[in-house]
Amino acid sequence: MAYRPAEYGNQACLRSSSEHLLNIDNEDETLDPFISTPPRGVIQLFALFSGILIVFVPDGIHRIIRKWGQIGHIGQGLSSWPTDFSGGILPVPCHSHNDYWRRVPLYSAIEAGCISVEADVWLFGHELYVGHSLASLTPNRTLASLYIDPLVTILERQNPTTHFLPDGAHGHHGVFDTEPEQTLTLLIDFKTSGSALFPYVVSALEPLRSRDYLTHLNGTQIISRPITVVGTGNTPFNLVASNLSNPHYDIFFDAPLDKLWEGPPDSEPATPSDPKHLVYGSDIDASLPELATSTNETDDGGEDDKGQGFSGAPSTAEAYTTLNSYYASVSFSKAIGHVLWGKLSEPQLELIRGHIRGAHKRGLLVRYWELPFWPIGLRNYVWDILVKEGVDLLNVDDLKGATQRDWGKDKGWWR
């Protein structure tokens, strides 16, 4: 005999009783005329209410699960644990672009599982303000109030002092309880003068640094910690690479991805100034933009405020290593070009593959910004291609679309 849950039996009994009551007027008319029967509408209402009651008032295990952990119910006091801040959240390789624009900065990105967040920082007086433009700045939205202080609070909770972890046994658990070894990248976009901003950023990170929460170079190797700080925008490479300006070696650089392009292993070595001949051969597609020379390229070194990857930059791509850099990024629209007819061309795909080869050879994580965002189908297509080709994280504005989308068979980066 097939197993039938108890509630199904209850419903069957109720249905049988209801049908009997509803059919009472069809019985023999010789019933005692002095016996009063309820109107049919009342009976139908009673049957409907009873059915709803069964559905919405759970019994047995359903009631236990719904009430578990609450005062006066099974599991009282057992529903929480010290590090449950992010319990059940799985980290995914996405970057929360312009994170400060979200209704709840930082926390929304963590809730979605993003492993990287971005803060645009401006220096005025002696304070670091966060915002997309000068018009958006307010006195209370600072790097400390939106990111540093909340991160300290989160990490203190994720690394508690308990009977099992007494004082002195300090851990380095990150923000994600499901993967405590996963670092969260704080990408700081220097909007004002990089050389002026840099010492203030170094100082602002002290609350995280003093608790040993920052990824850093110990002289010979990278020591991973819950937070990895990466400078982009006007961040000067020469200050990142200097032990005088970056004495703790805990701020890393966002290298220029288009300067790292490399051809397939069996091809001729690419020249730093023009790798395009290896991609197109003699037939250059004029619809695509110039590569290395199109994205604020500079070879003079030491010059400030040149934009992402080029402020104080060296003259050779060989200078970018895991000892000074973490990301390798570039504008998708400038480096790859427009997606014509809803599909990337083969030369464009070779550009992407060359970027990824060059960055991964140096141990750097690949990120494209200025991705297509509309139409949604085009955006999703580009996301699929980038993930398939090996890009390390997606630069996204739509957190839900990036972290909860059904990528379809053989398209998801989680597979």
Protein backbone atom coordinates (compact mmCIF):
# COMPACT_ATOMS: atom_id res chain seq x y z
CA MET A 1 0.00 0.00 0.00
CA ALA A 2 1.37 3.41 -0.96
CA TYR A 3 2.28 5.76 1.88
CA ARG A 4 -0.18 8.64 2.30
CA PRO A 5 0.64 11.53 4.64
CA ALA A 6 -1.75 12.00 7.51
CA GLU A 7 -2.90 15.37 6.31
CA TYR A 8 -4.09 13.83 3.04
CA GLY A 9 -6.30 11.48 5.10
CA ASN A 10 -7.65 14.42 7.05
CA GLN A 11 -8.54 16.22 3.84
CA ALA A 12 -10.25 13.10 2.49
CA CYS A 13 -12.38 12.80 5.63
CA LEU A 14 -13.28 16.45 5.50
CA ARG A 15 -14.14 16.22 1.83
CA SER A 16 -16.34 13.17 2.47
CA SER A 17 -18.17 14.91 5.30
CA SER A 18 -18.62 18.06 3.26
CA GLU A 19 -20.01 16.16 0.30
CA HIS A 20 -22.44 14.37 2.58
CA LEU A 21 -23.65 17.66 4.01
CA LEU A 22 -23.88 19.31 0.60
CA ASN A 23 -25.99 16.43 -0.73
CA ILE A 24 -28.36 16.32 2.21
CA ASP A 25 -31.12 18.12 0.31
CA ASN A 26 -31.09 15.33 -2.25
CA GLU A 27 -32.13 12.74 0.27
CA ASP A 28 -35.61 11.44 0.92
CA GLU A 29 -38.12 14.28 1.31
CA THR A 30 -39.73 12.34 4.13
CA LEU A 31 -37.17 13.63 6.61
CA ASP A 32 -38.71 15.04 9.75
CA PRO A 33 -39.89 18.53 8.80
CA PHE A 34 -39.17 19.76 12.33
CA ILE A 35 -35.41 19.03 11.95
CA SER A 36 -33.68 22.23 10.81
CA THR A 37 -30.69 21.97 8.44
CA PRO A 38 -28.14 24.76 7.79
CA PRO A 39 -28.42 26.72 4.53
CA ARG A 40 -26.24 25.40 1.72
CA GLY A 41 -24.10 28.60 1.64
CA VAL A 42 -23.16 28.19 5.28
CA ILE A 43 -22.11 24.59 4.69
CA GLN A 44 -19.98 25.54 1.68
CA LEU A 45 -18.32 28.33 3.66
CA PHE A 46 -17.56 25.91 6.49
CA ALA A 47 -16.02 23.40 4.08
CA LEU A 48 -13.89 26.10 2.44
CA PHE A 49 -12.69 27.45 5.77
CA SER A 50 -11.80 23.98 6.99
CA GLY A 51 -9.72 23.31 3.87
CA ILE A 52 -7.85 26.59 4.28
CA LEU A 53 -7.26 25.78 7.93
CA ILE A 54 -5.58 22.50 7.02
CA VAL A 55 -3.30 24.22 4.50
CA PHE A 56 -2.23 27.19 6.63
CA VAL A 57 -2.20 25.67 10.10
CA PRO A 58 0.57 23.08 9.93
CA ASP A 59 0.80 20.08 12.15
CA GLY A 60 3.52 17.63 13.10
CA ILE A 61 6.93 18.24 11.60
CA HIS A 62 5.75 21.33 9.70
CA ARG A 63 4.83 23.06 12.93
CA ILE A 64 8.17 22.08 14.49
CA ILE A 65 10.16 23.50 11.59
CA ARG A 66 8.16 26.74 11.54
CA LYS A 67 8.48 27.32 15.29
CA TRP A 68 11.87 25.71 15.88
CA GLY A 69 14.18 27.78 18.05
CA GLN A 70 11.50 30.18 19.25
CA ILE A 71 10.82 30.68 22.95
CA GLY A 72 8.56 27.94 24.28
CA HIS A 73 9.09 25.65 21.30
CA ILE A 74 11.37 22.78 20.37
CA GLY A 75 14.94 23.93 19.76
CA GLN A 76 14.65 27.01 21.95
CA GLY A 77 18.03 28.75 22.04
CA LEU A 78 19.53 26.50 19.36
CA SER A 79 18.72 28.51 16.22
CA SER A 80 21.75 30.84 16.28
CA TRP A 81 25.52 30.63 16.62
CA PRO A 82 28.29 33.24 17.01
CA THR A 83 29.21 33.44 13.32
CA ASP A 84 25.74 33.25 11.79
CA PHE A 85 25.93 36.78 10.34
CA SER A 86 26.20 35.32 6.83
CA GLY A 87 24.91 31.83 7.52
CA GLY A 88 23.70 30.09 4.36
CA ILE A 89 25.20 32.68 1.96
CA LEU A 90 27.45 31.17 -0.70
CA PRO A 91 30.16 33.45 -2.14
CA VAL A 92 30.11 33.89 -5.92
CA PRO A 93 32.68 35.58 -8.21
CA CYS A 94 31.04 38.94 -8.75
CA HIS A 95 32.14 42.52 -8.06
CA SER A 96 29.59 45.00 -6.71
CA HIS A 97 30.20 47.94 -9.03
CA ASN A 98 29.58 51.38 -7.47
CA ASP A 99 28.51 49.58 -4.33
CA TYR A 100 27.85 52.83 -2.44
CA TRP A 101 24.84 53.48 -4.72
CA ARG A 102 22.95 50.58 -3.21
CA ARG A 103 20.28 51.23 -0.60
CA VAL A 104 22.41 49.29 1.89
CA PRO A 105 26.07 49.55 0.82
CA LEU A 106 28.37 46.61 1.57
CA TYR A 107 25.69 44.50 3.29
CA SER A 108 23.62 44.09 0.09
CA ALA A 109 26.69 42.82 -1.75
CA ILE A 110 27.54 40.36 1.02
CA GLU A 111 23.93 39.16 1.15
CA ALA A 112 24.13 38.46 -2.60
CA GLY A 113 27.42 36.61 -2.13
CA CYS A 114 29.67 39.08 -3.97
CA ILE A 115 33.34 38.70 -3.09
CA SER A 116 34.31 42.22 -4.12
CA VAL A 117 32.90 45.72 -3.47
CA GLU A 118 33.84 49.12 -4.85
CA ALA A 119 34.10 52.51 -3.16
CA ASP A 120 34.90 55.74 -5.03
CA VAL A 121 36.94 57.90 -2.65
CA TRP A 122 37.54 61.67 -2.65
CA LEU A 123 39.93 63.58 -0.39
CA PHE A 124 38.75 66.90 1.03
CA GLY A 125 40.58 68.37 3.99
CA HIS A 126 41.67 65.33 5.95
CA GLU A 127 38.62 63.16 5.30
CA LEU A 128 37.89 60.46 2.72
CA TYR A 129 34.38 60.82 1.30
CA VAL A 130 32.57 58.19 -0.77
CA GLY A 131 30.43 58.98 -3.81
CA HIS A 132 30.25 58.84 -7.58
CA SER A 133 30.61 62.57 -8.17
CA LEU A 134 31.27 65.77 -6.24
CA ALA A 135 27.55 66.55 -6.23
CA SER A 136 26.79 63.23 -4.49
CA LEU A 137 29.14 63.69 -1.54
CA THR A 138 27.78 64.20 1.98
CA PRO A 139 29.66 64.81 5.26
CA ASN A 140 28.57 61.52 6.84
CA ARG A 141 29.18 59.13 3.93
CA THR A 142 32.86 58.37 4.38
CA LEU A 143 35.16 55.43 3.75
CA ALA A 144 35.12 54.76 7.48
CA SER A 145 31.36 54.96 8.01
CA LEU A 146 30.35 52.96 4.93
CA TYR A 147 33.11 50.34 4.79
CA ILE A 148 35.93 50.29 7.35
CA ASP A 149 33.82 50.44 10.52
CA PRO A 150 31.16 47.97 9.28
CA LEU A 151 33.85 45.52 8.17
CA VAL A 152 35.53 45.69 11.58
CA THR A 153 32.16 44.99 13.25
CA ILE A 154 31.40 42.06 10.93
CA LEU A 155 34.83 40.49 11.31
CA GLU A 156 34.85 40.88 15.08
CA ARG A 157 31.62 38.90 15.12
CA GLN A 158 33.02 36.29 12.74
CA ASN A 159 36.09 35.88 14.96
CA PRO A 160 34.63 35.72 18.49
CA THR A 161 36.26 34.93 21.79
CA THR A 162 34.44 31.89 23.15
CA HIS A 163 35.02 28.87 25.36
CA PHE A 164 36.29 27.09 22.25
CA LEU A 165 38.34 30.08 21.03
CA PRO A 166 39.75 31.73 24.15
CA ASP A 167 41.37 35.15 24.06
CA GLY A 168 44.65 34.91 22.19
CA ALA A 169 43.45 32.25 19.76
CA HIS A 170 42.44 34.90 17.24
CA GLY A 171 41.13 33.55 13.98
CA HIS A 172 41.07 34.96 10.47
CA HIS A 173 37.60 33.97 9.37
CA GLY A 174 36.18 36.13 6.59
CA VAL A 175 32.70 37.56 6.14
CA PHE A 176 31.25 34.35 4.66
CA ASP A 177 30.42 31.72 7.25
CA THR A 178 30.08 29.04 4.57
CA GLU A 179 33.61 29.73 3.25
CA PRO A 180 35.56 31.49 6.01
CA GLU A 181 38.80 31.41 3.98
CA GLN A 182 37.26 33.51 1.18
CA THR A 183 38.71 37.02 1.17
CA LEU A 184 36.51 40.04 0.40
CA THR A 185 38.12 42.58 -1.92
CA LEU A 186 37.68 46.26 -1.11
CA LEU A 187 38.37 48.04 -4.40
CA ILE A 188 39.11 51.70 -3.64
CA ASP A 189 38.77 53.95 -6.66
CA PHE A 190 40.97 57.03 -6.15
CA LYS A 191 38.97 59.93 -7.61
CA THR A 192 41.19 62.86 -6.58
CA SER A 193 44.98 63.15 -6.76
CA GLY A 194 46.47 59.72 -6.18
CA SER A 195 49.64 60.91 -4.48
CA ALA A 196 47.65 63.09 -2.07
CA LEU A 197 45.06 60.37 -1.36
CA PHE A 198 47.43 57.48 -0.81
CA PRO A 199 48.73 58.26 2.72
CA TYR A 200 45.19 58.94 3.92
CA VAL A 201 44.00 55.57 2.63
CA VAL A 202 46.94 53.86 4.33
CA SER A 203 45.94 55.55 7.59
CA ALA A 204 42.20 54.80 7.16
CA LEU A 205 42.92 51.07 6.95
CA GLU A 206 44.55 50.95 10.39
CA PRO A 207 41.46 49.56 12.24
CA LEU A 208 41.55 46.53 9.91
CA ARG A 209 45.34 46.33 9.85
CA SER A 210 45.76 46.40 13.62
CA ARG A 211 43.45 43.38 13.91
CA ASP A 212 45.39 41.50 11.22
CA TYR A 213 42.44 41.47 8.83
CA LEU A 214 44.31 42.73 5.75
CA THR A 215 45.96 40.59 3.09
CA HIS A 216 49.61 41.60 2.92
CA LEU A 217 53.07 40.76 1.66
CA ASN A 218 55.37 39.50 4.40
CA GLY A 219 58.47 40.10 2.31
CA THR A 220 58.49 36.88 0.33
CA GLN A 221 54.91 35.67 0.04
CA ILE A 222 51.31 36.89 0.14
CA ILE A 223 49.49 36.24 3.42
CA SER A 224 45.76 36.00 2.70
CA ARG A 225 43.41 37.60 5.18
CA PRO A 226 39.64 38.37 5.32
CA ILE A 227 40.00 41.70 3.45
CA THR A 228 42.13 42.42 0.39
CA VAL A 229 42.50 46.11 -0.51
CA VAL A 230 43.07 47.02 -4.16
CA GLY A 231 43.65 50.54 -5.46
CA THR A 232 42.23 51.57 -8.82
CA GLY A 233 41.42 54.84 -10.59
CA ASN A 234 44.20 57.34 -9.84
CA THR A 235 46.03 54.95 -7.51
CA PRO A 236 49.74 55.41 -8.32
CA PHE A 237 51.58 52.17 -9.01
CA ASN A 238 54.89 53.64 -7.87
CA LEU A 239 53.43 54.34 -4.40
CA VAL A 240 51.88 50.87 -4.15
CA ALA A 241 55.24 49.27 -5.00
CA SER A 242 57.23 51.41 -2.56
CA ASN A 243 58.00 50.27 0.98
CA LEU A 244 58.13 53.91 2.01
CA SER A 245 54.56 54.84 0.99
CA ASN A 246 53.12 51.32 1.44
CA PRO A 247 55.19 50.07 4.40
CA HIS A 248 52.77 47.30 5.36
CA TYR A 249 52.45 46.06 1.77
CA ASP A 250 48.68 45.71 2.24
CA ILE A 251 47.43 47.82 -0.67
CA PHE A 252 47.61 46.16 -4.09
CA PHE A 253 47.34 47.54 -7.60
CA ASP A 254 44.68 47.17 -10.31
CA ALA A 255 46.93 46.50 -13.31
CA PRO A 256 46.03 47.55 -16.89
CA LEU A 257 44.66 44.36 -18.45
CA ASP A 258 45.15 45.49 -22.04
CA LYS A 259 48.90 45.92 -21.40
CA LEU A 260 49.14 42.25 -20.43
CA TRP A 261 47.85 40.74 -23.68
CA GLU A 262 49.68 37.61 -24.82
CA GLY A 263 49.20 35.41 -27.84
CA PRO A 264 48.77 31.63 -27.80
CA PRO A 265 51.79 29.64 -26.59
CA ASP A 266 52.79 28.67 -30.13
CA SER A 267 52.63 32.23 -31.53
CA GLU A 268 55.28 34.91 -31.77
CA PRO A 269 55.78 37.01 -28.64
CA ALA A 270 53.53 40.06 -28.54
CA THR A 271 54.99 43.54 -28.53
CA PRO A 272 53.76 45.70 -25.62
CA SER A 273 52.80 48.57 -27.93
CA ASP A 274 50.77 46.63 -30.46
CA PRO A 275 49.65 43.05 -29.86
CA LYS A 276 46.99 43.44 -32.54
CA HIS A 277 49.08 41.98 -35.35
CA LEU A 278 49.00 38.63 -33.58
CA VAL A 279 45.22 38.74 -33.34
CA TYR A 280 44.21 39.93 -36.78
CA GLY A 281 47.22 39.07 -38.92
CA SER A 282 47.41 41.39 -41.89
CA ASP A 283 43.64 41.92 -42.01
CA ILE A 284 42.91 44.39 -39.22
CA ASP A 285 39.25 44.95 -38.36
CA ALA A 286 38.88 48.73 -38.47
CA SER A 287 35.65 48.58 -36.46
CA LEU A 288 37.57 47.66 -33.30
CA PRO A 289 39.37 50.28 -31.21
CA GLU A 290 43.09 50.66 -30.74
CA LEU A 291 44.33 48.51 -27.90
CA ALA A 292 47.19 49.53 -25.65
CA THR A 293 47.28 53.11 -26.88
CA SER A 294 43.56 53.74 -26.42
CA THR A 295 43.23 53.46 -22.65
CA ASN A 296 45.22 56.32 -21.11
CA GLU A 297 48.48 54.58 -21.88
CA THR A 298 51.66 56.18 -20.55
CA ASP A 299 55.23 54.93 -20.68
CA ASP A 300 56.86 57.81 -18.85
CA GLY A 301 56.33 56.30 -15.37
CA GLY A 302 55.76 58.20 -12.15
CA GLU A 303 53.09 60.52 -13.57
CA ASP A 304 49.98 60.89 -11.40
CA ASP A 305 46.25 60.90 -12.13
CA LYS A 306 46.25 59.03 -15.43
CA GLY A 307 43.34 56.74 -14.60
CA GLN A 308 42.96 53.03 -13.91
CA GLY A 309 46.20 51.14 -14.37
CA PHE A 310 48.28 54.05 -15.66
CA SER A 311 48.99 56.40 -12.75
CA GLY A 312 52.65 56.17 -11.83
CA ALA A 313 52.82 53.10 -14.05
CA PRO A 314 56.04 51.37 -15.17
CA SER A 315 57.14 51.18 -18.78
CA THR A 316 56.93 47.40 -18.97
CA ALA A 317 54.13 44.95 -18.25
CA GLU A 318 56.63 42.60 -16.59
CA ALA A 319 56.54 44.85 -13.51
CA TYR A 320 53.03 43.65 -12.58
CA THR A 321 53.19 40.60 -10.32
CA THR A 322 51.29 39.16 -7.37
CA LEU A 323 53.74 40.97 -5.09
CA ASN A 324 52.25 44.34 -6.03
CA SER A 325 49.02 43.71 -7.97
CA TYR A 326 45.83 41.71 -7.43
CA TYR A 327 43.40 42.62 -10.23
CA ALA A 328 44.03 43.27 -13.90
CA SER A 329 41.19 45.36 -15.33
CA VAL A 330 40.19 47.33 -18.39
CA SER A 331 37.12 48.95 -19.91
CA PHE A 332 35.33 46.33 -22.01
CA SER A 333 33.92 48.91 -24.41
CA LYS A 334 37.34 50.49 -25.03
CA ALA A 335 39.47 47.36 -25.16
CA ILE A 336 37.06 44.94 -26.85
CA GLY A 337 34.63 47.25 -28.61
CA HIS A 338 30.91 47.09 -29.33
CA VAL A 339 29.11 43.79 -29.64
CA LEU A 340 27.74 44.11 -33.16
CA TRP A 341 24.74 42.03 -34.20
CA GLY A 342 24.49 40.60 -30.69
CA LYS A 343 27.60 38.43 -30.98
CA LEU A 344 31.30 38.85 -30.31
CA SER A 345 33.51 38.36 -33.35
CA GLU A 346 36.35 35.86 -33.41
CA PRO A 347 38.99 38.65 -33.25
CA GLN A 348 37.23 40.05 -30.17
CA LEU A 349 37.25 36.63 -28.55
CA GLU A 350 40.98 36.34 -29.27
CA LEU A 351 41.52 39.69 -27.55
CA ILE A 352 39.69 38.44 -24.46
CA ARG A 353 41.66 35.18 -24.46
CA GLY A 354 44.94 37.06 -24.81
CA HIS A 355 44.06 39.33 -21.89
CA ILE A 356 43.21 36.34 -19.72
CA ARG A 357 46.39 34.49 -20.70
CA GLY A 358 48.58 37.46 -19.83
CA ALA A 359 46.90 38.18 -16.50
CA HIS A 360 46.77 34.56 -15.35
CA LYS A 361 50.42 34.08 -16.30
CA ARG A 362 51.18 36.77 -13.72
CA GLY A 363 48.75 35.35 -11.16
CA LEU A 364 46.31 38.26 -11.43
CA LEU A 365 42.50 38.16 -11.44
CA VAL A 366 40.74 39.37 -14.60
CA ARG A 367 37.96 41.97 -14.46
CA TYR A 368 36.28 43.95 -17.24
CA TRP A 369 34.35 47.11 -16.43
CA GLU A 370 31.95 49.08 -18.64
CA LEU A 371 30.20 45.90 -19.75
CA PRO A 372 27.01 46.14 -21.85
CA PHE A 373 24.01 46.42 -19.53
CA TRP A 374 21.14 46.61 -22.03
CA PRO A 375 19.39 44.84 -23.66
CA ILE A 376 19.37 42.28 -20.86
CA GLY A 377 19.78 39.43 -23.33
CA LEU A 378 22.97 41.02 -24.69
CA ARG A 379 24.27 41.59 -21.17
CA ASN A 380 23.64 37.96 -20.26
CA TYR A 381 25.32 36.78 -23.45
CA VAL A 382 28.47 38.77 -22.64
CA TRP A 383 28.44 37.46 -19.08
CA ASP A 384 28.20 33.90 -20.36
CA ILE A 385 31.10 34.39 -22.77
CA LEU A 386 33.35 36.02 -20.16
CA VAL A 387 32.71 33.27 -17.63
CA LYS A 388 33.25 30.57 -20.24
CA GLU A 389 36.55 32.12 -21.33
CA GLY A 390 37.85 32.30 -17.75
CA VAL A 391 37.26 35.83 -16.45
CA ASP A 392 37.65 35.65 -12.67
CA LEU A 393 34.78 37.88 -11.61
CA LEU A 394 31.96 39.81 -13.22
CA ASN A 395 31.67 43.56 -12.74
CA VAL A 396 27.93 43.93 -12.04
CA ASP A 397 25.31 46.48 -11.11
CA ASP A 398 22.42 44.00 -11.00
CA LEU A 399 23.29 41.82 -8.01
CA LYS A 400 20.18 39.68 -8.30
CA GLY A 401 20.66 39.07 -12.02
CA ALA A 402 24.29 38.08 -11.52
CA THR A 403 23.96 35.87 -8.46
CA GLN A 404 20.52 34.28 -8.88
CA ARG A 405 20.16 33.96 -12.63
CA ASP A 406 19.61 30.53 -14.20
CA TRP A 407 22.60 30.43 -16.47
CA GLY A 408 21.35 27.37 -18.32
CA LYS A 409 23.06 24.11 -19.18
CA ASP A 410 26.85 24.31 -19.58
CA LYS A 411 26.82 28.09 -19.01
CA GLY A 412 26.98 28.54 -15.25
CA TRP A 413 30.31 29.42 -13.66
CA TRP A 414 29.33 27.44 -10.57
CA ARG A 415 29.45 24.16 -12.54
